[in-house]
Amino acid sequence: MAIWTLPNLFTFARILVVPFIVWRLLERDFEWAFWLFAAAAVSDLLDGSLARLLNQRSELGAWLDPIADKLVLLSTLLLLAWDGLLPIWFAALVLTRDSIVLGGAAAYRSLTGGLQVAPSWLGKAATMLEFVLVSAVLAEAALQLGLAWLLPGLFWVTAVQAAASGLHYVWLWSAKTYSFLRAVRS
């Protein structure tokens, strides 16, 4: 298995930028935090596209990509909520959803001994909306682009999508577990 593919390098870079985003947010340097977060968001688009285009999909990439997304998003969301730029309830919702998804995946893997990492389209949409929301919040804080009017609606759309994707993953894990248990009993 090739580890050092171009898509995986973009994913590794996204993981490595997380401490710098956190550092800039802790320093309340929203402009640098915005540009670093924007670079991480672009790298998220590039790694998946390059993996398909260059036929460099890998199991490692399938595992690392959502981990990198969660590290970037959750650290940024939590710090923006701590700073009052995002509602605490929103950060709690996303953290709860991600914990439930991770817990379901871990439980399924523990039960079956395997796990195929395949995000649902609802999960991908939630992640995309989270990246858009955090980018907009950071852009407003850093560059005062006049986006404040847009943020409340974007919070709610993203929250509904995050909740829907969380419920969808619970349904998926439950269905997979039920199918597995039926097959084992047969």
N, C-alpha and C. Protein backbone atom coordinates (compact mmCIF):
# COMPACT_ATOMS: atom_id res chain seq x y z
N MET A 1 0.85 -1.18 0.00
CA MET A 1 0.00 0.00 0.00
C MET A 1 0.89 1.25 0.00
N ALA A 2 0.64 2.13 -0.93
CA ALA A 2 1.42 3.36 -1.03
C ALA A 2 0.91 4.38 -0.01
N ILE A 3 1.81 4.85 0.84
CA ILE A 3 1.44 5.84 1.84
C ILE A 3 1.68 7.25 1.32
N TRP A 4 2.79 7.44 0.65
CA TRP A 4 3.20 8.78 0.25
C TRP A 4 2.65 9.16 -1.12
N THR A 5 1.35 9.05 -1.28
CA THR A 5 0.71 9.52 -2.50
C THR A 5 0.42 11.01 -2.35
N LEU A 6 0.22 11.68 -3.46
CA LEU A 6 -0.07 13.11 -3.41
C LEU A 6 -1.35 13.41 -2.60
N PRO A 7 -2.44 12.65 -2.80
CA PRO A 7 -3.62 12.91 -1.96
C PRO A 7 -3.35 12.74 -0.47
N ASN A 8 -2.60 11.70 -0.10
CA ASN A 8 -2.28 11.50 1.33
C ASN A 8 -1.40 12.61 1.86
N LEU A 9 -0.51 13.15 1.03
CA LEU A 9 0.33 14.27 1.47
C LEU A 9 -0.53 15.50 1.79
N PHE A 10 -1.56 15.74 0.97
CA PHE A 10 -2.48 16.84 1.27
C PHE A 10 -3.21 16.59 2.59
N THR A 11 -3.59 15.34 2.84
CA THR A 11 -4.28 15.01 4.09
C THR A 11 -3.35 15.19 5.28
N PHE A 12 -2.09 14.70 5.15
CA PHE A 12 -1.11 14.89 6.23
C PHE A 12 -0.90 16.38 6.50
N ALA A 13 -0.81 17.17 5.43
CA ALA A 13 -0.62 18.62 5.58
C ALA A 13 -1.79 19.24 6.34
N ARG A 14 -3.01 18.76 6.06
CA ARG A 14 -4.18 19.28 6.76
C ARG A 14 -4.10 18.98 8.25
N ILE A 15 -3.62 17.80 8.59
CA ILE A 15 -3.46 17.45 10.01
C ILE A 15 -2.38 18.32 10.65
N LEU A 16 -1.29 18.55 9.93
CA LEU A 16 -0.18 19.34 10.48
C LEU A 16 -0.53 20.81 10.67
N VAL A 17 -1.49 21.33 9.93
CA VAL A 17 -1.85 22.75 10.05
C VAL A 17 -2.75 23.01 11.27
N VAL A 18 -3.35 21.96 11.83
CA VAL A 18 -4.29 22.14 12.95
C VAL A 18 -3.67 22.90 14.12
N PRO A 19 -2.47 22.53 14.60
CA PRO A 19 -1.92 23.30 15.73
C PRO A 19 -1.70 24.78 15.42
N PHE A 20 -1.41 25.08 14.16
CA PHE A 20 -1.20 26.48 13.78
C PHE A 20 -2.52 27.25 13.76
N ILE A 21 -3.60 26.61 13.32
CA ILE A 21 -4.92 27.24 13.37
C ILE A 21 -5.29 27.50 14.83
N VAL A 22 -5.10 26.49 15.67
CA VAL A 22 -5.42 26.62 17.09
C VAL A 22 -4.61 27.75 17.71
N TRP A 23 -3.33 27.78 17.42
CA TRP A 23 -2.45 28.82 17.97
C TRP A 23 -2.93 30.21 17.56
N ARG A 24 -3.26 30.39 16.27
CA ARG A 24 -3.70 31.70 15.81
C ARG A 24 -5.04 32.09 16.45
N LEU A 25 -5.93 31.10 16.63
CA LEU A 25 -7.20 31.40 17.28
C LEU A 25 -7.01 31.77 18.75
N LEU A 26 -6.12 31.05 19.43
CA LEU A 26 -5.84 31.38 20.83
C LEU A 26 -5.24 32.78 20.96
N GLU A 27 -4.51 33.19 19.95
CA GLU A 27 -3.94 34.55 19.93
C GLU A 27 -4.93 35.59 19.40
N ARG A 28 -6.13 35.12 19.03
CA ARG A 28 -7.18 35.97 18.45
C ARG A 28 -6.72 36.64 17.15
N ASP A 29 -5.85 35.95 16.44
CA ASP A 29 -5.40 36.41 15.13
C ASP A 29 -6.29 35.73 14.08
N PHE A 30 -7.49 36.30 13.91
CA PHE A 30 -8.49 35.68 13.06
C PHE A 30 -8.11 35.69 11.58
N GLU A 31 -7.33 36.68 11.18
CA GLU A 31 -6.94 36.72 9.76
C GLU A 31 -6.05 35.53 9.41
N TRP A 32 -5.01 35.29 10.19
CA TRP A 32 -4.15 34.13 9.91
C TRP A 32 -4.92 32.82 10.09
N ALA A 33 -5.76 32.77 11.12
CA ALA A 33 -6.58 31.57 11.34
C ALA A 33 -7.47 31.31 10.12
N PHE A 34 -8.05 32.38 9.57
CA PHE A 34 -8.89 32.24 8.38
C PHE A 34 -8.09 31.67 7.22
N TRP A 35 -6.93 32.23 6.94
CA TRP A 35 -6.15 31.78 5.77
C TRP A 35 -5.66 30.34 5.96
N LEU A 36 -5.26 30.00 7.17
CA LEU A 36 -4.85 28.62 7.43
C LEU A 36 -6.03 27.66 7.30
N PHE A 37 -7.19 28.06 7.83
CA PHE A 37 -8.38 27.23 7.72
C PHE A 37 -8.79 27.09 6.25
N ALA A 38 -8.73 28.19 5.51
CA ALA A 38 -9.08 28.15 4.08
C ALA A 38 -8.14 27.20 3.33
N ALA A 39 -6.86 27.23 3.66
CA ALA A 39 -5.91 26.30 3.02
C ALA A 39 -6.26 24.86 3.36
N ALA A 40 -6.66 24.62 4.60
CA ALA A 40 -7.07 23.27 5.01
C ALA A 40 -8.32 22.84 4.24
N ALA A 41 -9.27 23.74 4.07
CA ALA A 41 -10.50 23.42 3.34
C ALA A 41 -10.19 23.11 1.88
N VAL A 42 -9.31 23.89 1.27
CA VAL A 42 -8.92 23.63 -0.13
C VAL A 42 -8.21 22.29 -0.23
N SER A 43 -7.35 21.98 0.75
CA SER A 43 -6.65 20.69 0.70
C SER A 43 -7.63 19.53 0.83
N ASP A 44 -8.75 19.74 1.55
CA ASP A 44 -9.78 18.70 1.65
C ASP A 44 -10.41 18.45 0.28
N LEU A 45 -10.65 19.51 -0.47
CA LEU A 45 -11.19 19.35 -1.82
C LEU A 45 -10.18 18.67 -2.74
N LEU A 46 -8.91 19.06 -2.60
CA LEU A 46 -7.88 18.53 -3.49
C LEU A 46 -7.56 17.06 -3.25
N ASP A 47 -7.50 16.64 -1.99
CA ASP A 47 -7.05 15.27 -1.76
C ASP A 47 -8.02 14.25 -2.35
N GLY A 48 -9.31 14.46 -2.17
CA GLY A 48 -10.28 13.53 -2.74
C GLY A 48 -10.31 13.57 -4.26
N SER A 49 -10.25 14.77 -4.81
CA SER A 49 -10.24 14.92 -6.27
C SER A 49 -9.00 14.28 -6.88
N LEU A 50 -7.85 14.53 -6.25
CA LEU A 50 -6.60 13.95 -6.77
C LEU A 50 -6.59 12.43 -6.63
N ALA A 51 -7.14 11.92 -5.55
CA ALA A 51 -7.18 10.47 -5.36
C ALA A 51 -7.96 9.81 -6.49
N ARG A 52 -9.08 10.44 -6.88
CA ARG A 52 -9.88 9.88 -7.99
C ARG A 52 -9.18 10.11 -9.32
N LEU A 53 -8.70 11.32 -9.55
CA LEU A 53 -8.09 11.67 -10.83
C LEU A 53 -6.82 10.86 -11.11
N LEU A 54 -5.98 10.70 -10.09
CA LEU A 54 -4.71 9.98 -10.25
C LEU A 54 -4.83 8.49 -9.93
N ASN A 55 -6.05 8.06 -9.63
CA ASN A 55 -6.29 6.67 -9.24
C ASN A 55 -5.36 6.27 -8.09
N GLN A 56 -5.33 7.14 -7.06
CA GLN A 56 -4.48 6.90 -5.90
C GLN A 56 -5.31 6.79 -4.62
N ARG A 57 -6.47 6.17 -4.74
CA ARG A 57 -7.28 5.92 -3.55
C ARG A 57 -6.58 4.88 -2.71
N SER A 58 -6.64 5.07 -1.40
CA SER A 58 -6.00 4.11 -0.52
C SER A 58 -6.82 3.94 0.75
N GLU A 59 -6.63 2.82 1.40
CA GLU A 59 -7.32 2.58 2.66
C GLU A 59 -6.86 3.60 3.70
N LEU A 60 -5.55 3.89 3.70
CA LEU A 60 -5.02 4.89 4.63
C LEU A 60 -5.70 6.24 4.40
N GLY A 61 -5.82 6.64 3.15
CA GLY A 61 -6.47 7.91 2.83
C GLY A 61 -7.93 7.92 3.25
N ALA A 62 -8.62 6.78 3.06
CA ALA A 62 -10.02 6.67 3.46
C ALA A 62 -10.19 6.85 4.97
N TRP A 63 -9.20 6.42 5.73
CA TRP A 63 -9.24 6.59 7.19
C TRP A 63 -8.78 7.98 7.60
N LEU A 64 -7.68 8.45 6.99
CA LEU A 64 -7.10 9.73 7.43
C LEU A 64 -7.93 10.94 7.04
N ASP A 65 -8.58 10.91 5.89
CA ASP A 65 -9.33 12.08 5.42
C ASP A 65 -10.40 12.52 6.42
N PRO A 66 -11.28 11.63 6.89
CA PRO A 66 -12.27 12.10 7.87
C PRO A 66 -11.65 12.50 9.20
N ILE A 67 -10.54 11.85 9.57
CA ILE A 67 -9.85 12.23 10.81
C ILE A 67 -9.31 13.66 10.68
N ALA A 68 -8.69 13.94 9.53
CA ALA A 68 -8.16 15.29 9.30
C ALA A 68 -9.30 16.31 9.31
N ASP A 69 -10.41 15.98 8.64
CA ASP A 69 -11.56 16.89 8.64
C ASP A 69 -12.02 17.19 10.06
N LYS A 70 -12.15 16.14 10.87
CA LYS A 70 -12.66 16.32 12.23
C LYS A 70 -11.68 17.11 13.08
N LEU A 71 -10.40 16.87 12.91
CA LEU A 71 -9.41 17.63 13.68
C LEU A 71 -9.48 19.12 13.34
N VAL A 72 -9.53 19.43 12.05
CA VAL A 72 -9.60 20.83 11.62
C VAL A 72 -10.91 21.46 12.09
N LEU A 73 -12.02 20.78 11.79
CA LEU A 73 -13.33 21.37 12.10
C LEU A 73 -13.59 21.47 13.59
N LEU A 74 -13.39 20.39 14.32
CA LEU A 74 -13.74 20.41 15.74
C LEU A 74 -12.87 21.37 16.53
N SER A 75 -11.57 21.39 16.25
CA SER A 75 -10.72 22.31 17.00
C SER A 75 -11.12 23.76 16.71
N THR A 76 -11.42 24.05 15.45
CA THR A 76 -11.80 25.41 15.09
C THR A 76 -13.18 25.76 15.64
N LEU A 77 -14.14 24.85 15.48
CA LEU A 77 -15.49 25.08 16.00
C LEU A 77 -15.48 25.34 17.51
N LEU A 78 -14.76 24.50 18.23
CA LEU A 78 -14.74 24.65 19.69
C LEU A 78 -14.11 25.96 20.12
N LEU A 79 -13.03 26.35 19.45
CA LEU A 79 -12.39 27.62 19.81
C LEU A 79 -13.24 28.83 19.41
N LEU A 80 -13.92 28.74 18.27
CA LEU A 80 -14.81 29.84 17.88
C LEU A 80 -15.99 29.95 18.83
N ALA A 81 -16.49 28.81 19.29
CA ALA A 81 -17.58 28.83 20.28
C ALA A 81 -17.08 29.39 21.61
N TRP A 82 -15.89 28.97 22.02
CA TRP A 82 -15.28 29.47 23.26
C TRP A 82 -15.12 30.99 23.20
N ASP A 83 -14.80 31.49 22.01
CA ASP A 83 -14.59 32.92 21.83
C ASP A 83 -15.89 33.68 21.59
N GLY A 84 -17.02 32.97 21.50
CA GLY A 84 -18.30 33.62 21.32
C GLY A 84 -18.67 33.92 19.88
N LEU A 85 -17.89 33.42 18.93
CA LEU A 85 -18.18 33.69 17.52
C LEU A 85 -19.12 32.65 16.91
N LEU A 86 -19.27 31.54 17.57
CA LEU A 86 -20.24 30.50 17.18
C LEU A 86 -21.05 30.17 18.42
N PRO A 87 -22.32 29.84 18.24
CA PRO A 87 -23.12 29.45 19.40
C PRO A 87 -22.57 28.16 20.04
N ILE A 88 -22.53 28.12 21.34
CA ILE A 88 -22.07 26.93 22.07
C ILE A 88 -22.92 25.72 21.69
N TRP A 89 -24.25 25.92 21.54
CA TRP A 89 -25.13 24.80 21.22
C TRP A 89 -24.74 24.17 19.90
N PHE A 90 -24.27 25.00 18.95
CA PHE A 90 -23.89 24.47 17.65
C PHE A 90 -22.65 23.60 17.76
N ALA A 91 -21.65 24.08 18.47
CA ALA A 91 -20.42 23.29 18.67
C ALA A 91 -20.76 22.00 19.41
N ALA A 92 -21.65 22.08 20.41
CA ALA A 92 -22.05 20.88 21.15
C ALA A 92 -22.77 19.89 20.25
N LEU A 93 -23.62 20.39 19.36
CA LEU A 93 -24.33 19.51 18.42
C LEU A 93 -23.36 18.77 17.51
N VAL A 94 -22.42 19.49 16.94
CA VAL A 94 -21.46 18.86 16.03
C VAL A 94 -20.57 17.87 16.79
N LEU A 95 -20.13 18.25 17.97
CA LEU A 95 -19.30 17.36 18.78
C LEU A 95 -20.07 16.09 19.16
N THR A 96 -21.33 16.25 19.53
CA THR A 96 -22.16 15.10 19.88
C THR A 96 -22.38 14.21 18.68
N ARG A 97 -22.73 14.80 17.55
CA ARG A 97 -22.93 14.02 16.32
C ARG A 97 -21.68 13.23 15.96
N ASP A 98 -20.52 13.90 15.98
CA ASP A 98 -19.28 13.21 15.62
C ASP A 98 -18.93 12.11 16.62
N SER A 99 -19.22 12.34 17.89
CA SER A 99 -18.97 11.32 18.91
C SER A 99 -19.86 10.10 18.70
N ILE A 100 -21.12 10.33 18.35
CA ILE A 100 -22.04 9.23 18.09
C ILE A 100 -21.61 8.44 16.86
N VAL A 101 -21.20 9.14 15.81
CA VAL A 101 -20.75 8.46 14.59
C VAL A 101 -19.49 7.64 14.89
N LEU A 102 -18.55 8.24 15.57
CA LEU A 102 -17.31 7.53 15.92
C LEU A 102 -17.60 6.34 16.83
N GLY A 103 -18.47 6.55 17.81
CA GLY A 103 -18.84 5.46 18.71
C GLY A 103 -19.52 4.32 17.97
N GLY A 104 -20.41 4.65 17.04
CA GLY A 104 -21.07 3.63 16.23
C GLY A 104 -20.09 2.85 15.38
N ALA A 105 -19.15 3.55 14.78
CA ALA A 105 -18.14 2.90 13.96
C ALA A 105 -17.27 1.98 14.81
N ALA A 106 -16.87 2.46 15.99
CA ALA A 106 -16.03 1.66 16.88
C ALA A 106 -16.79 0.43 17.37
N ALA A 107 -18.06 0.60 17.71
CA ALA A 107 -18.87 -0.53 18.18
C ALA A 107 -19.04 -1.56 17.06
N TYR A 108 -19.30 -1.09 15.85
CA TYR A 108 -19.46 -2.00 14.72
C TYR A 108 -18.16 -2.76 14.45
N ARG A 109 -17.06 -2.04 14.47
CA ARG A 109 -15.76 -2.70 14.24
C ARG A 109 -15.47 -3.72 15.34
N SER A 110 -15.78 -3.38 16.58
CA SER A 110 -15.57 -4.29 17.69
C SER A 110 -16.42 -5.56 17.53
N LEU A 111 -17.64 -5.38 17.08
CA LEU A 111 -18.56 -6.50 16.92
C LEU A 111 -18.18 -7.39 15.74
N THR A 112 -17.82 -6.76 14.63
CA THR A 112 -17.61 -7.53 13.39
C THR A 112 -16.14 -7.80 13.07
N GLY A 113 -15.26 -7.03 13.67
CA GLY A 113 -13.84 -7.19 13.37
C GLY A 113 -13.39 -6.43 12.14
N GLY A 114 -14.27 -5.70 11.51
CA GLY A 114 -13.91 -4.95 10.31
C GLY A 114 -14.75 -3.71 10.17
N LEU A 115 -14.30 -2.81 9.34
CA LEU A 115 -15.04 -1.58 9.09
C LEU A 115 -14.58 -0.99 7.77
N GLN A 116 -15.50 -0.82 6.86
CA GLN A 116 -15.24 -0.16 5.59
C GLN A 116 -15.59 1.31 5.77
N VAL A 117 -14.62 2.20 5.62
CA VAL A 117 -14.87 3.63 5.80
C VAL A 117 -15.49 4.17 4.51
N ALA A 118 -16.74 4.59 4.61
CA ALA A 118 -17.46 5.13 3.45
C ALA A 118 -18.45 6.17 3.94
N PRO A 119 -18.10 7.45 3.85
CA PRO A 119 -19.02 8.49 4.32
C PRO A 119 -20.28 8.54 3.46
N SER A 120 -21.40 8.83 4.09
CA SER A 120 -22.65 8.98 3.35
C SER A 120 -22.69 10.36 2.70
N TRP A 121 -23.58 10.51 1.74
CA TRP A 121 -23.70 11.82 1.10
C TRP A 121 -24.22 12.86 2.10
N LEU A 122 -25.04 12.43 3.07
CA LEU A 122 -25.49 13.36 4.11
C LEU A 122 -24.33 13.80 4.99
N GLY A 123 -23.43 12.86 5.29
CA GLY A 123 -22.25 13.19 6.08
C GLY A 123 -21.32 14.13 5.33
N LYS A 124 -21.14 13.87 4.03
CA LYS A 124 -20.30 14.75 3.21
C LYS A 124 -20.90 16.15 3.13
N ALA A 125 -22.22 16.22 2.98
CA ALA A 125 -22.88 17.52 2.92
C ALA A 125 -22.74 18.27 4.24
N ALA A 126 -22.86 17.55 5.35
CA ALA A 126 -22.70 18.19 6.67
C ALA A 126 -21.29 18.74 6.83
N THR A 127 -20.30 17.94 6.45
CA THR A 127 -18.91 18.40 6.55
C THR A 127 -18.68 19.62 5.66
N MET A 128 -19.22 19.60 4.44
CA MET A 128 -19.05 20.74 3.54
C MET A 128 -19.69 21.99 4.14
N LEU A 129 -20.91 21.85 4.67
CA LEU A 129 -21.57 23.00 5.28
C LEU A 129 -20.82 23.51 6.51
N GLU A 130 -20.25 22.59 7.28
CA GLU A 130 -19.45 23.01 8.44
C GLU A 130 -18.23 23.81 7.98
N PHE A 131 -17.56 23.35 6.92
CA PHE A 131 -16.42 24.10 6.39
C PHE A 131 -16.86 25.48 5.90
N VAL A 132 -18.00 25.54 5.21
CA VAL A 132 -18.51 26.83 4.71
C VAL A 132 -18.84 27.76 5.88
N LEU A 133 -19.55 27.23 6.88
CA LEU A 133 -19.93 28.04 8.04
C LEU A 133 -18.70 28.58 8.77
N VAL A 134 -17.76 27.70 9.07
CA VAL A 134 -16.57 28.14 9.81
C VAL A 134 -15.77 29.13 8.97
N SER A 135 -15.68 28.90 7.67
CA SER A 135 -14.99 29.85 6.80
C SER A 135 -15.68 31.22 6.84
N ALA A 136 -17.00 31.22 6.80
CA ALA A 136 -17.75 32.48 6.83
C ALA A 136 -17.56 33.20 8.16
N VAL A 137 -17.60 32.45 9.26
CA VAL A 137 -17.41 33.06 10.58
C VAL A 137 -16.01 33.65 10.69
N LEU A 138 -15.01 32.88 10.26
CA LEU A 138 -13.63 33.38 10.31
C LEU A 138 -13.43 34.56 9.37
N ALA A 139 -14.01 34.49 8.17
CA ALA A 139 -13.87 35.59 7.21
C ALA A 139 -14.49 36.87 7.77
N GLU A 140 -15.64 36.73 8.41
CA GLU A 140 -16.28 37.91 9.01
C GLU A 140 -15.43 38.47 10.14
N ALA A 141 -14.91 37.59 10.99
CA ALA A 141 -14.08 38.04 12.12
C ALA A 141 -12.78 38.67 11.63
N ALA A 142 -12.21 38.12 10.58
CA ALA A 142 -10.90 38.57 10.10
C ALA A 142 -10.99 39.74 9.14
N LEU A 143 -11.94 39.68 8.22
CA LEU A 143 -11.94 40.61 7.10
C LEU A 143 -13.16 41.54 7.07
N GLN A 144 -14.09 41.36 8.01
CA GLN A 144 -15.32 42.15 8.07
C GLN A 144 -15.93 42.34 6.67
N LEU A 145 -16.36 41.23 6.10
CA LEU A 145 -16.91 41.23 4.75
C LEU A 145 -18.40 41.53 4.69
N GLY A 146 -19.02 41.78 5.84
CA GLY A 146 -20.45 42.05 5.86
C GLY A 146 -21.29 40.77 5.77
N LEU A 147 -20.76 39.67 6.27
CA LEU A 147 -21.46 38.38 6.20
C LEU A 147 -22.31 38.10 7.44
N ALA A 148 -22.31 39.00 8.40
CA ALA A 148 -23.00 38.75 9.67
C ALA A 148 -24.48 38.42 9.47
N TRP A 149 -25.12 39.05 8.52
CA TRP A 149 -26.55 38.80 8.26
C TRP A 149 -26.79 37.37 7.79
N LEU A 150 -25.80 36.76 7.14
CA LEU A 150 -25.93 35.43 6.58
C LEU A 150 -25.74 34.33 7.62
N LEU A 151 -25.00 34.63 8.68
CA LEU A 151 -24.58 33.60 9.63
C LEU A 151 -25.71 32.91 10.39
N PRO A 152 -26.72 33.61 10.91
CA PRO A 152 -27.78 32.88 11.64
C PRO A 152 -28.46 31.81 10.80
N GLY A 153 -28.80 32.13 9.57
CA GLY A 153 -29.43 31.14 8.69
C GLY A 153 -28.48 29.99 8.38
N LEU A 154 -27.22 30.31 8.18
CA LEU A 154 -26.22 29.28 7.89
C LEU A 154 -26.01 28.37 9.10
N PHE A 155 -26.07 28.94 10.32
CA PHE A 155 -25.99 28.10 11.53
C PHE A 155 -27.10 27.05 11.51
N TRP A 156 -28.33 27.51 11.24
CA TRP A 156 -29.48 26.60 11.32
C TRP A 156 -29.46 25.56 10.20
N VAL A 157 -29.14 25.96 8.99
CA VAL A 157 -29.05 25.00 7.89
C VAL A 157 -27.99 23.95 8.19
N THR A 158 -26.85 24.40 8.68
CA THR A 158 -25.76 23.47 9.00
C THR A 158 -26.14 22.58 10.18
N ALA A 159 -26.81 23.14 11.17
CA ALA A 159 -27.23 22.35 12.33
C ALA A 159 -28.22 21.27 11.93
N VAL A 160 -29.19 21.62 11.09
CA VAL A 160 -30.17 20.63 10.64
C VAL A 160 -29.47 19.53 9.84
N GLN A 161 -28.55 19.92 8.97
CA GLN A 161 -27.82 18.93 8.17
C GLN A 161 -26.95 18.04 9.06
N ALA A 162 -26.29 18.62 10.05
CA ALA A 162 -25.47 17.83 10.97
C ALA A 162 -26.33 16.84 11.74
N ALA A 163 -27.48 17.30 12.24
CA ALA A 163 -28.37 16.40 12.98
C ALA A 163 -28.90 15.30 12.06
N ALA A 164 -29.32 15.67 10.85
CA ALA A 164 -29.84 14.67 9.90
C ALA A 164 -28.77 13.63 9.57
N SER A 165 -27.55 14.08 9.35
CA SER A 165 -26.49 13.12 9.03
C SER A 165 -26.18 12.23 10.22
N GLY A 166 -26.23 12.78 11.44
CA GLY A 166 -26.02 11.96 12.63
C GLY A 166 -27.08 10.88 12.76
N LEU A 167 -28.35 11.26 12.55
CA LEU A 167 -29.43 10.27 12.60
C LEU A 167 -29.28 9.24 11.48
N HIS A 168 -28.84 9.69 10.33
CA HIS A 168 -28.64 8.77 9.20
C HIS A 168 -27.54 7.76 9.53
N TYR A 169 -26.46 8.21 10.13
CA TYR A 169 -25.40 7.28 10.51
C TYR A 169 -25.87 6.29 11.58
N VAL A 170 -26.67 6.76 12.52
CA VAL A 170 -27.23 5.83 13.52
C VAL A 170 -28.06 4.77 12.82
N TRP A 171 -28.89 5.19 11.86
CA TRP A 171 -29.69 4.24 11.10
C TRP A 171 -28.80 3.28 10.31
N LEU A 172 -27.76 3.80 9.65
CA LEU A 172 -26.85 2.93 8.87
C LEU A 172 -26.14 1.91 9.75
N TRP A 173 -25.58 2.38 10.88
CA TRP A 173 -24.87 1.45 11.77
C TRP A 173 -25.83 0.41 12.33
N SER A 174 -27.03 0.83 12.66
CA SER A 174 -28.03 -0.12 13.18
C SER A 174 -28.38 -1.16 12.13
N ALA A 175 -28.61 -0.72 10.89
CA ALA A 175 -28.95 -1.65 9.80
C ALA A 175 -27.80 -2.61 9.52
N LYS A 176 -26.57 -2.09 9.49
CA LYS A 176 -25.41 -2.96 9.25
C LYS A 176 -25.25 -3.97 10.37
N THR A 177 -25.43 -3.51 11.59
CA THR A 177 -25.30 -4.42 12.74
C THR A 177 -26.39 -5.49 12.70
N TYR A 178 -27.62 -5.09 12.39
CA TYR A 178 -28.72 -6.04 12.30
C TYR A 178 -28.44 -7.08 11.21
N SER A 179 -27.97 -6.62 10.05
CA SER A 179 -27.64 -7.56 8.95
C SER A 179 -26.52 -8.50 9.36
N PHE A 180 -25.52 -7.97 10.03
CA PHE A 180 -24.41 -8.81 10.47
C PHE A 180 -24.90 -9.87 11.46
N LEU A 181 -25.69 -9.46 12.42
CA LEU A 181 -26.19 -10.40 13.43
C LEU A 181 -27.10 -11.46 12.82
N ARG A 182 -27.91 -11.05 11.84
CA ARG A 182 -28.76 -12.03 11.13
C ARG A 182 -27.90 -13.05 10.39
N ALA A 183 -26.84 -12.57 9.74
CA ALA A 183 -25.96 -13.48 8.99
C ALA A 183 -25.23 -14.43 9.92
N VAL A 184 -24.82 -13.94 11.08
CA VAL A 184 -24.13 -14.78 12.05
C VAL A 184 -25.05 -15.86 12.60
N ARG A 185 -26.31 -15.49 12.84
CA ARG A 185 -27.27 -16.44 13.40
C ARG A 185 -27.72 -17.48 12.39
N SER A 186 -27.60 -17.17 11.10
CA SER A 186 -28.07 -18.11 10.06
C SER A 186 -27.18 -19.30 9.90
